[in-house]
Amino acid sequence: MNYRMIGNILGWLMIFESLFLAVPTLTAAICLESTFFVFAGTALFCLAAGLLITRKKPPNITLYSREGFIIVALSWIVLSLFGAVPYFLSGTIPSFIDAVFESVSGFSTTGATIINDVEILPKSILIWRSFTHWVGGMGVLVFIMAFLPLSGGQNMHIMKAESPGPSVGKLVPHVRTTALLLYSMYLALTLAEFIVLLIGGMDPFEAFNTAIATAGTGGFGIKNSSMGGYPAHIQIIVTVFMLLFAINFNSYFFLGRFKFKEAFTTEVIVFLLTVALSSTVIALNIHSIYQDWGDSFRHSTFTVATIMSTTGFSTEDFNMWPELSRALIVMLMFVGGCAGSTCGGIKISRFLILFKGLKKELDVLIHPKQVKKIKLDGHTVEHDVVRSVNVYMVCYVLVFAVSMLILSFDNLDLITNFTAVASAVNNVGPGLELVGPSSNFSIFSDPTKIILIFDMLAGRLELFPILLLFSPNTWKK
């Protein structure tokens, strides 16, 4: 285990976190808010600690898969803990457990909150909440790799551990260039939404918050009604961008090179078809409530987009919709969007591999001597990827079941507990019943919040990096 290199990267992480904290610090200075001292102090501490840790270069800069997973897991824990400090020291969130919950929810792009009234919060706190979504959306270590050549080609292990999906590839031969390309596309889409929202009539502060929260598919709003108080055209704009950020960013790279076949993969097509079909079913189901097809389709499409992209915004309290719509919404929580996007969930690509694997096994039962390989978009899916998907699903079910069992000690109803865990593990945000769009997660006890914190981190990092922290073999030399 290369502990010196792990420490060095954690040091660089703290330096970059100090730069991230400059955004709310500047906001507090402009708005003359007392939170300036809290943000500035936290940023200076992170900067000083980071410089102290990185002052000596490690003698061995080689990283292997094990170090990659450990670096990613520890980085997100450290990032979230220091990200919680401004909430706690400013008095915005008096409980440190609650502050960590809010911070983890932000960086993991879950969007679940324990704050009852966000409209009374200082603007610097609102900016920090939304900005944590943007930082966590594409991955903080992917961001660092875009600017620092940490360890040559070995840093592919870090990208694989942090990026969502069953497999991760490079767009170009160099990992650093791939990271830079990904963040360039991410920034371009964020800027595009910000400009469109300004044109649509939003003021700059609201447009900036909404754009970065949408980009990270996080969903922290700056109004208690989330997106419900905005006009229809603003909701439509946000719907479109939520779907854009839920698509594999590799598709945009190939679109830029006019490689349409590579851009519109089976995963992207299935994702868009699922959105269209689900939106239609829900619109038909809720038409009796709104009595207008335009409103029905607008609310249904927004809700499907926010759930599948795991953003967590809302225009209506879908907890009050008919059972068919509620059931479909819960199912979509698990599906999520495309691999290589900023969204959570199990991902469309994993479901495609699982369904193709099921079909293969059924065919083998009929023709035992038949040799078949699983193919996706004309390419054979490697056995390691299939095995990884199967193991992931087993881990997913175990984590979900244990979390559900622990949450039951709070003696809340089954739907609340089930959708709370589903929301946390899939990084969705709202659930149903007591954790619906018009409610929050403050109802849970501190031990339960710690479990949900674990679930949010595990879900964002695709389970394995966090679970490996608890394996004794991980720490053996």
Protein backbone atom coordinates (compact mmCIF):
# COMPACT_ATOMS: atom_id res chain seq x y z
CA MET A 1 0.00 0.00 0.00
CA ASN A 2 1.49 3.32 -1.08
CA TYR A 3 0.45 5.38 1.96
CA ARG A 4 2.72 8.32 1.07
CA MET A 5 1.05 8.72 -2.32
CA ILE A 6 -2.42 8.37 -0.80
CA GLY A 7 -1.59 11.12 1.70
CA ASN A 8 -0.16 13.32 -1.06
CA ILE A 9 -3.35 13.14 -3.12
CA LEU A 10 -5.47 13.83 -0.03
CA GLY A 11 -3.31 16.91 0.51
CA TRP A 12 -3.96 18.09 -3.04
CA LEU A 13 -7.65 17.43 -2.44
CA MET A 14 -7.62 19.83 0.52
CA ILE A 15 -5.87 22.48 -1.57
CA PHE A 16 -8.54 22.18 -4.23
CA GLU A 17 -11.29 22.25 -1.60
CA SER A 18 -9.91 25.56 -0.40
CA LEU A 19 -10.32 26.82 -3.97
CA PHE A 20 -13.90 25.50 -4.07
CA LEU A 21 -14.62 27.35 -0.82
CA ALA A 22 -13.53 30.57 -2.49
CA VAL A 23 -16.88 30.65 -4.35
CA PRO A 24 -19.09 31.02 -1.23
CA THR A 25 -16.40 33.19 0.41
CA LEU A 26 -16.61 35.67 -2.48
CA THR A 27 -20.42 35.49 -2.37
CA ALA A 28 -20.41 36.29 1.36
CA ALA A 29 -18.03 39.22 0.78
CA ILE A 30 -20.22 40.68 -1.98
CA CYS A 31 -23.41 40.23 0.06
CA LEU A 32 -21.73 41.47 3.28
CA GLU A 33 -22.67 38.29 5.17
CA SER A 34 -21.07 37.22 8.45
CA THR A 35 -20.51 33.76 6.97
CA PHE A 36 -17.51 35.29 5.17
CA PHE A 37 -15.28 34.62 8.17
CA VAL A 38 -16.42 31.00 8.45
CA PHE A 39 -15.86 30.24 4.77
CA ALA A 40 -12.59 32.15 4.62
CA GLY A 41 -11.30 30.47 7.78
CA THR A 42 -12.22 27.00 6.55
CA ALA A 43 -10.62 27.70 3.16
CA LEU A 44 -7.39 28.93 4.76
CA PHE A 45 -7.22 25.92 7.06
CA CYS A 46 -7.71 23.51 4.11
CA LEU A 47 -5.08 25.37 2.10
CA ALA A 48 -2.53 25.35 4.93
CA ALA A 49 -3.12 21.66 5.73
CA GLY A 50 -2.91 20.73 2.04
CA LEU A 51 0.35 22.62 1.51
CA LEU A 52 1.82 21.05 4.62
CA ILE A 53 0.91 17.52 3.49
CA THR A 54 2.13 17.97 -0.09
CA ARG A 55 5.39 19.80 0.68
CA LYS A 56 7.40 16.58 0.21
CA LYS A 57 6.94 14.53 -2.95
CA PRO A 58 6.46 10.78 -2.32
CA PRO A 59 9.46 8.65 -3.40
CA ASN A 60 7.14 6.17 -5.12
CA ILE A 61 4.29 7.60 -7.22
CA THR A 62 2.98 4.28 -8.52
CA LEU A 63 -0.70 3.58 -7.95
CA TYR A 64 -2.51 0.29 -8.35
CA SER A 65 -6.18 -0.62 -8.28
CA ARG A 66 -6.27 -0.99 -4.49
CA GLU A 67 -4.79 2.47 -3.91
CA GLY A 68 -7.20 3.90 -6.48
CA PHE A 69 -10.24 2.66 -4.55
CA ILE A 70 -8.85 3.80 -1.19
CA ILE A 71 -7.94 7.26 -2.50
CA VAL A 72 -11.42 7.76 -3.92
CA ALA A 73 -13.22 6.59 -0.76
CA LEU A 74 -11.05 8.61 1.65
CA SER A 75 -11.13 11.68 -0.60
CA TRP A 76 -14.91 11.83 -0.60
CA ILE A 77 -15.05 11.36 3.16
CA VAL A 78 -12.48 14.12 3.77
CA LEU A 79 -14.17 16.40 1.21
CA SER A 80 -17.55 15.95 2.88
CA LEU A 81 -16.28 16.42 6.44
CA PHE A 82 -14.56 19.72 5.68
CA GLY A 83 -17.49 20.73 3.48
CA ALA A 84 -19.73 20.39 6.55
CA VAL A 85 -17.67 22.79 8.68
CA PRO A 86 -19.20 26.04 7.28
CA TYR A 87 -22.73 24.75 7.93
CA PHE A 88 -21.85 23.92 11.52
CA LEU A 89 -19.66 26.91 12.47
CA SER A 90 -22.04 29.44 10.89
CA GLY A 91 -24.90 28.07 13.00
CA THR A 92 -26.93 27.30 9.89
CA ILE A 93 -27.05 23.66 10.98
CA PRO A 94 -26.39 23.38 14.76
CA SER A 95 -25.87 19.59 14.76
CA PHE A 96 -22.59 18.36 13.25
CA ILE A 97 -24.21 15.07 12.16
CA ASP A 98 -26.85 17.08 10.31
CA ALA A 99 -24.14 19.28 8.81
CA VAL A 100 -22.27 16.22 7.54
CA PHE A 101 -25.55 14.81 6.18
CA GLU A 102 -26.15 18.04 4.22
CA SER A 103 -22.56 18.10 2.98
CA VAL A 104 -22.55 14.46 1.88
CA SER A 105 -25.94 14.94 0.24
CA GLY A 106 -24.47 17.87 -1.66
CA PHE A 107 -21.23 16.30 -2.86
CA SER A 108 -22.88 12.95 -3.64
CA THR A 109 -25.50 14.91 -5.65
CA THR A 110 -28.33 13.31 -3.68
CA GLY A 111 -30.16 16.50 -2.79
CA ALA A 112 -31.80 15.14 0.37
CA THR A 113 -31.89 17.86 3.02
CA ILE A 114 -32.54 18.28 6.73
CA ILE A 115 -33.24 22.04 6.41
CA ASN A 116 -36.88 23.04 6.83
CA ASP A 117 -36.72 26.54 5.34
CA VAL A 118 -34.03 27.19 2.73
CA GLU A 119 -35.34 30.66 1.86
CA ILE A 120 -34.02 32.14 5.13
CA LEU A 121 -30.46 30.90 4.49
CA PRO A 122 -27.63 33.33 3.61
CA LYS A 123 -26.83 33.46 -0.10
CA SER A 124 -23.32 32.16 0.55
CA ILE A 125 -24.74 29.02 2.16
CA LEU A 126 -27.16 28.55 -0.76
CA ILE A 127 -24.28 28.92 -3.23
CA TRP A 128 -22.17 26.42 -1.29
CA ARG A 129 -24.99 23.86 -1.19
CA SER A 130 -25.48 24.08 -4.95
CA PHE A 131 -21.78 24.28 -5.75
CA THR A 132 -21.11 21.03 -3.88
CA HIS A 133 -23.42 19.39 -6.45
CA TRP A 134 -21.36 20.76 -9.31
CA VAL A 135 -18.08 19.63 -7.74
CA GLY A 136 -19.40 16.16 -6.99
CA GLY A 137 -21.27 15.69 -10.26
CA MET A 138 -18.38 14.82 -12.54
CA GLY A 139 -16.12 13.76 -9.68
CA VAL A 140 -13.70 15.83 -7.65
CA LEU A 141 -10.71 13.60 -8.42
CA VAL A 142 -11.52 13.70 -12.14
CA PHE A 143 -11.39 17.49 -11.74
CA ILE A 144 -7.99 17.30 -10.00
CA MET A 145 -6.62 14.94 -12.65
CA ALA A 146 -7.61 17.45 -15.33
CA PHE A 147 -5.06 19.89 -13.89
CA LEU A 148 -2.48 17.72 -12.13
CA PRO A 149 -0.58 14.79 -13.66
CA LEU A 150 -0.67 12.92 -10.36
CA SER A 151 0.89 9.63 -11.36
CA GLY A 152 1.13 9.23 -15.09
CA GLY A 153 -1.01 6.50 -16.61
CA GLN A 154 -1.59 4.93 -13.21
CA ASN A 155 -4.30 7.47 -12.37
CA MET A 156 -6.72 5.53 -14.59
CA HIS A 157 -7.31 3.47 -11.43
CA ILE A 158 -8.67 6.60 -9.75
CA MET A 159 -10.94 7.46 -12.67
CA LYS A 160 -12.32 3.90 -12.76
CA ALA A 161 -13.02 3.98 -9.02
CA GLU A 162 -14.79 7.35 -9.11
CA SER A 163 -16.67 7.31 -12.44
CA PRO A 164 -20.20 5.84 -12.58
CA GLY A 165 -20.98 2.77 -14.69
CA PRO A 166 -19.92 -0.85 -15.14
CA SER A 167 -16.86 0.09 -17.23
CA VAL A 168 -14.82 3.21 -17.86
CA GLY A 169 -12.75 4.00 -20.93
CA LYS A 170 -10.54 6.83 -22.12
CA LEU A 171 -11.78 9.20 -24.81
CA VAL A 172 -8.19 9.85 -25.83
CA PRO A 173 -4.93 7.99 -25.00
CA HIS A 174 -4.03 10.17 -21.99
CA VAL A 175 -6.13 10.06 -18.80
CA ARG A 176 -5.37 13.69 -17.98
CA THR A 177 -6.60 14.82 -21.41
CA THR A 178 -9.73 12.65 -21.01
CA ALA A 179 -10.46 14.30 -17.65
CA LEU A 180 -9.95 17.74 -19.17
CA LEU A 181 -12.30 16.92 -22.06
CA LEU A 182 -14.98 15.65 -19.70
CA TYR A 183 -14.84 18.78 -17.55
CA SER A 184 -14.78 21.03 -20.62
CA MET A 185 -18.04 19.48 -21.83
CA TYR A 186 -19.45 19.63 -18.30
CA LEU A 187 -18.60 23.32 -17.98
CA ALA A 188 -19.94 24.11 -21.47
CA LEU A 189 -23.32 22.50 -20.73
CA THR A 190 -23.51 24.27 -17.35
CA LEU A 191 -22.76 27.61 -18.97
CA ALA A 192 -25.34 26.92 -21.69
CA GLU A 193 -28.06 26.29 -19.10
CA PHE A 194 -27.07 29.40 -17.15
CA ILE A 195 -27.39 31.57 -20.28
CA VAL A 196 -30.70 30.01 -21.34
CA LEU A 197 -32.14 30.53 -17.84
CA LEU A 198 -31.06 34.17 -17.91
CA ILE A 199 -32.77 34.60 -21.27
CA GLY A 200 -35.81 32.88 -19.77
CA GLY A 201 -36.11 35.60 -17.12
CA MET A 202 -34.30 34.21 -14.07
CA ASP A 203 -32.08 36.59 -12.12
CA PRO A 204 -28.33 35.75 -12.18
CA PHE A 205 -28.23 34.34 -8.64
CA GLU A 206 -31.15 31.97 -9.21
CA ALA A 207 -29.89 31.02 -12.67
CA PHE A 208 -26.41 30.20 -11.36
CA ASN A 209 -27.73 28.11 -8.48
CA THR A 210 -30.17 26.25 -10.70
CA ALA A 211 -27.59 25.62 -13.43
CA ILE A 212 -24.91 24.16 -11.15
CA ALA A 213 -27.47 22.10 -9.19
CA THR A 214 -28.88 20.72 -12.45
CA ALA A 215 -25.44 20.03 -13.89
CA GLY A 216 -24.48 17.90 -10.91
CA THR A 217 -27.98 16.35 -11.00
CA GLY A 218 -28.22 17.21 -7.32
CA GLY A 219 -31.40 19.21 -6.81
CA PHE A 220 -30.71 21.51 -3.85
CA GLY A 221 -33.16 24.33 -4.48
CA ILE A 222 -33.12 27.90 -3.23
CA LYS A 223 -36.88 28.00 -2.76
CA ASN A 224 -39.03 25.85 -0.48
CA SER A 225 -41.22 24.97 -3.46
CA SER A 226 -38.14 23.79 -5.40
CA MET A 227 -39.03 24.51 -9.07
CA GLY A 228 -42.78 24.70 -8.42
CA GLY A 229 -42.89 28.49 -8.15
CA TYR A 230 -41.22 29.13 -11.51
CA PRO A 231 -43.14 29.63 -14.78
CA ALA A 232 -43.74 26.72 -17.16
CA HIS A 233 -41.00 27.69 -19.64
CA ILE A 234 -38.34 27.66 -16.89
CA GLN A 235 -39.49 24.19 -15.80
CA ILE A 236 -39.24 22.99 -19.41
CA ILE A 237 -35.69 24.38 -19.73
CA VAL A 238 -34.62 22.59 -16.54
CA THR A 239 -36.30 19.37 -17.76
CA VAL A 240 -34.27 19.44 -20.98
CA PHE A 241 -30.97 20.02 -19.19
CA MET A 242 -31.65 17.36 -16.56
CA LEU A 243 -32.00 14.85 -19.41
CA LEU A 244 -28.86 16.18 -21.13
CA PHE A 245 -26.79 15.70 -17.98
CA ALA A 246 -28.18 12.17 -17.55
CA ILE A 247 -26.70 11.07 -20.89
CA ASN A 248 -23.20 9.57 -21.16
CA PHE A 249 -20.75 12.41 -21.80
CA ASN A 250 -18.93 10.20 -24.30
CA SER A 251 -21.94 10.74 -26.56
CA TYR A 252 -21.24 14.48 -26.71
CA PHE A 253 -17.61 13.76 -27.55
CA PHE A 254 -18.66 11.57 -30.48
CA LEU A 255 -21.33 14.05 -31.58
CA GLY A 256 -18.62 16.69 -31.79
CA ARG A 257 -16.77 14.40 -34.19
CA PHE A 258 -19.96 13.62 -36.16
CA LYS A 259 -19.80 9.95 -35.14
CA PHE A 260 -23.55 9.57 -34.71
CA LYS A 261 -23.54 5.77 -34.46
CA GLU A 262 -21.13 5.85 -31.51
CA ALA A 263 -23.03 8.76 -29.93
CA PHE A 264 -26.50 7.20 -30.04
CA THR A 265 -25.72 3.93 -28.30
CA THR A 266 -28.27 1.36 -27.21
CA GLU A 267 -28.05 2.76 -23.69
CA VAL A 268 -28.88 6.31 -24.82
CA ILE A 269 -31.77 5.13 -27.00
CA VAL A 270 -33.23 2.95 -24.22
CA PHE A 271 -32.87 5.83 -21.75
CA LEU A 272 -34.78 8.25 -23.99
CA LEU A 273 -37.46 5.67 -24.78
CA THR A 274 -37.89 4.95 -21.06
CA VAL A 275 -38.32 8.68 -20.36
CA ALA A 276 -40.90 9.03 -23.16
CA LEU A 277 -42.91 5.96 -22.19
CA SER A 278 -42.87 6.67 -18.44
CA SER A 279 -43.83 10.32 -18.96
CA THR A 280 -46.78 9.28 -21.14
CA VAL A 281 -48.06 6.70 -18.65
CA ILE A 282 -47.85 9.14 -15.74
CA ALA A 283 -49.45 11.96 -17.76
CA LEU A 284 -52.40 9.72 -18.58
CA ASN A 285 -52.63 8.72 -14.93
CA ILE A 286 -52.59 12.27 -13.50
CA HIS A 287 -54.72 13.95 -16.18
CA SER A 288 -57.77 13.72 -13.93
CA ILE A 289 -55.92 15.90 -11.40
CA TYR A 290 -54.81 18.71 -13.70
CA GLN A 291 -57.59 18.54 -16.33
CA ASP A 292 -55.14 19.85 -18.92
CA TRP A 293 -52.91 17.72 -21.18
CA GLY A 294 -50.20 20.38 -21.35
CA ASP A 295 -49.87 20.61 -17.56
CA SER A 296 -50.11 16.83 -17.20
CA PHE A 297 -47.27 16.16 -19.64
CA ARG A 298 -45.15 19.02 -18.28
CA HIS A 299 -45.34 17.76 -14.69
CA SER A 300 -44.97 14.09 -15.67
CA THR A 301 -41.97 14.72 -17.94
CA PHE A 302 -40.30 16.97 -15.36
CA THR A 303 -40.82 14.35 -12.64
CA VAL A 304 -39.55 11.47 -14.79
CA ALA A 305 -36.53 13.56 -15.81
CA THR A 306 -35.73 14.58 -12.23
CA ILE A 307 -36.09 10.99 -10.93
CA MET A 308 -34.20 9.21 -13.74
CA SER A 309 -31.44 11.82 -13.74
CA THR A 310 -31.57 11.59 -9.91
CA THR A 311 -31.61 15.40 -9.72
CA GLY A 312 -34.34 15.72 -7.13
CA PHE A 313 -36.05 18.95 -8.19
CA SER A 314 -39.84 18.99 -8.11
CA THR A 315 -42.67 21.04 -9.59
CA GLU A 316 -45.45 19.18 -7.78
CA ASP A 317 -45.74 16.95 -4.73
CA PHE A 318 -45.83 13.62 -6.59
CA ASN A 319 -46.41 11.95 -3.23
CA MET A 320 -50.06 12.95 -3.72
CA TRP A 321 -50.38 11.36 -7.16
CA PRO A 322 -52.24 8.08 -7.86
CA GLU A 323 -50.62 4.77 -6.89
CA LEU A 324 -49.65 3.84 -10.46
CA SER A 325 -47.62 7.03 -10.82
CA ARG A 326 -46.05 6.62 -7.38
CA ALA A 327 -45.10 3.01 -8.09
CA LEU A 328 -43.55 3.95 -11.44
CA ILE A 329 -41.59 6.80 -9.83
CA VAL A 330 -40.12 4.42 -7.23
CA MET A 331 -39.11 1.95 -9.97
CA LEU A 332 -37.41 4.74 -11.94
CA MET A 333 -35.40 5.68 -8.82
CA PHE A 334 -33.52 2.41 -9.19
CA VAL A 335 -32.98 2.70 -12.94
CA GLY A 336 -31.21 6.05 -13.04
CA GLY A 337 -29.61 7.40 -16.20
CA CYS A 338 -26.66 6.46 -18.38
CA ALA A 339 -23.20 5.38 -17.28
CA GLY A 340 -20.63 8.14 -17.67
CA SER A 341 -23.14 10.86 -16.75
CA THR A 342 -23.52 12.84 -13.53
CA CYS A 343 -26.57 10.90 -12.31
CA GLY A 344 -26.98 8.08 -9.81
CA GLY A 345 -29.03 4.90 -9.84
CA ILE A 346 -28.09 1.44 -11.05
CA LYS A 347 -27.72 2.76 -14.64
CA ILE A 348 -29.33 1.68 -17.92
CA SER A 349 -26.18 -0.09 -19.09
CA ARG A 350 -26.20 -2.47 -16.12
CA PHE A 351 -29.82 -3.38 -16.75
CA LEU A 352 -29.03 -4.03 -20.41
CA ILE A 353 -26.18 -6.37 -19.44
CA LEU A 354 -28.37 -8.14 -16.87
CA PHE A 355 -31.23 -8.64 -19.34
CA LYS A 356 -28.88 -9.88 -22.03
CA GLY A 357 -27.29 -12.21 -19.49
CA LEU A 358 -30.74 -13.55 -18.55
CA LYS A 359 -31.59 -14.16 -22.22
CA LYS A 360 -28.27 -15.94 -22.68
CA GLU A 361 -28.93 -18.26 -19.73
CA LEU A 362 -32.43 -19.08 -21.00
CA ASP A 363 -31.01 -19.91 -24.43
CA VAL A 364 -28.35 -22.13 -22.84
CA LEU A 365 -31.04 -24.03 -20.93
CA ILE A 366 -32.72 -24.86 -24.24
CA HIS A 367 -29.47 -25.53 -26.12
CA PRO A 368 -26.84 -26.59 -23.51
CA LYS A 369 -24.01 -26.91 -26.04
CA GLN A 370 -24.58 -23.49 -27.51
CA VAL A 371 -21.80 -20.93 -26.98
CA LYS A 372 -23.09 -17.36 -26.79
CA LYS A 373 -21.45 -14.10 -25.82
CA ILE A 374 -23.15 -11.01 -24.50
CA LYS A 375 -22.89 -8.17 -26.99
CA LEU A 376 -23.78 -4.50 -26.67
CA ASP A 377 -23.65 -2.15 -29.67
CA GLY A 378 -21.87 -4.82 -31.66
CA HIS A 379 -19.08 -5.22 -29.10
CA THR A 380 -18.59 -8.25 -26.88
CA VAL A 381 -19.06 -7.45 -23.20
CA GLU A 382 -16.00 -8.79 -21.41
CA HIS A 383 -16.49 -11.45 -18.75
CA ASP A 384 -14.92 -9.15 -16.13
CA VAL A 385 -17.60 -6.53 -16.81
CA VAL A 386 -20.42 -9.09 -16.57
CA ARG A 387 -18.97 -10.45 -13.33
CA SER A 388 -18.61 -6.91 -11.96
CA VAL A 389 -22.27 -6.16 -12.74
CA ASN A 390 -23.42 -9.36 -11.03
CA VAL A 391 -21.31 -8.68 -7.93
CA TYR A 392 -22.48 -5.08 -7.88
CA MET A 393 -26.12 -6.18 -7.81
CA VAL A 394 -25.46 -8.59 -4.94
CA CYS A 395 -23.72 -5.85 -2.95
CA TYR A 396 -26.50 -3.42 -3.83
CA VAL A 397 -29.22 -5.73 -2.47
CA LEU A 398 -27.22 -6.45 0.72
CA VAL A 399 -26.55 -2.75 1.42
CA PHE A 400 -30.18 -1.90 0.73
CA ALA A 401 -31.53 -4.69 2.96
CA VAL A 402 -29.24 -3.91 5.92
CA SER A 403 -30.01 -0.19 5.65
CA MET A 404 -33.74 -0.89 5.61
CA LEU A 405 -33.40 -3.06 8.70
CA ILE A 406 -31.50 -0.38 10.63
CA LEU A 407 -33.92 2.38 9.60
CA SER A 408 -36.80 0.33 10.97
CA PHE A 409 -35.52 1.06 14.52
CA ASP A 410 -36.86 4.61 14.11
CA ASN A 411 -40.32 3.02 13.92
CA LEU A 412 -41.43 4.96 10.85
CA ASP A 413 -43.66 3.51 8.14
CA LEU A 414 -42.33 1.05 5.55
CA ILE A 415 -42.81 3.32 2.50
CA THR A 416 -40.89 6.14 4.19
CA ASN A 417 -37.99 3.85 5.12
CA PHE A 418 -37.92 2.08 1.74
CA THR A 419 -37.93 5.24 -0.35
CA ALA A 420 -35.47 6.99 2.01
CA VAL A 421 -32.93 4.22 1.45
CA ALA A 422 -33.75 4.12 -2.28
CA SER A 423 -33.23 7.87 -2.44
CA ALA A 424 -29.92 7.71 -0.56
CA VAL A 425 -28.36 4.73 -2.36
CA ASN A 426 -29.49 5.98 -5.78
CA ASN A 427 -28.69 9.65 -4.97
CA VAL A 428 -32.20 10.75 -5.92
CA GLY A 429 -33.27 13.22 -3.21
CA PRO A 430 -36.99 13.03 -2.42
CA GLY A 431 -38.88 9.83 -1.65
CA LEU A 432 -42.48 9.19 -0.64
CA GLU A 433 -44.61 9.73 2.47
CA LEU A 434 -42.56 11.44 5.23
CA VAL A 435 -39.59 12.06 2.90
CA GLY A 436 -41.67 13.26 -0.07
CA PRO A 437 -40.94 16.41 -2.12
CA SER A 438 -42.70 18.65 0.44
CA SER A 439 -40.84 17.08 3.40
CA ASN A 440 -37.21 16.45 4.38
CA PHE A 441 -34.96 13.98 6.21
CA SER A 442 -34.83 15.76 9.59
CA ILE A 443 -37.31 13.22 11.00
CA PHE A 444 -34.62 10.54 11.32
CA SER A 445 -32.47 9.94 14.40
CA ASP A 446 -28.71 10.61 14.32
CA PRO A 447 -27.74 6.89 14.04
CA THR A 448 -30.15 6.54 11.11
CA LYS A 449 -28.72 9.64 9.44
CA ILE A 450 -25.25 8.10 9.70
CA ILE A 451 -26.54 5.03 7.83
CA LEU A 452 -28.06 7.28 5.17
CA ILE A 453 -24.75 9.19 4.95
CA PHE A 454 -23.01 5.87 4.30
CA ASP A 455 -25.64 4.97 1.69
CA MET A 456 -25.24 8.29 -0.14
CA LEU A 457 -21.46 7.94 -0.33
CA ALA A 458 -21.65 4.25 -1.28
CA GLY A 459 -24.23 4.99 -3.96
CA ARG A 460 -22.24 7.85 -5.49
CA LEU A 461 -19.04 5.77 -5.56
CA GLU A 462 -20.80 2.64 -6.90
CA LEU A 463 -20.42 0.74 -3.58
CA PHE A 464 -17.02 -0.90 -3.99
CA PRO A 465 -14.64 1.93 -2.87
CA ILE A 466 -16.57 2.47 0.38
CA LEU A 467 -17.05 -1.24 1.08
CA LEU A 468 -13.33 -1.93 0.55
CA LEU A 469 -12.54 0.37 3.47
CA PHE A 470 -14.08 -2.28 5.74
CA SER A 471 -12.16 -5.21 4.25
CA PRO A 472 -9.08 -6.28 6.28
CA ASN A 473 -7.36 -7.48 3.09
CA THR A 474 -7.40 -3.93 1.77
CA TRP A 475 -4.94 -2.77 4.39
CA LYS A 476 -2.52 -5.70 4.23
CA LYS A 477 0.89 -5.03 2.72
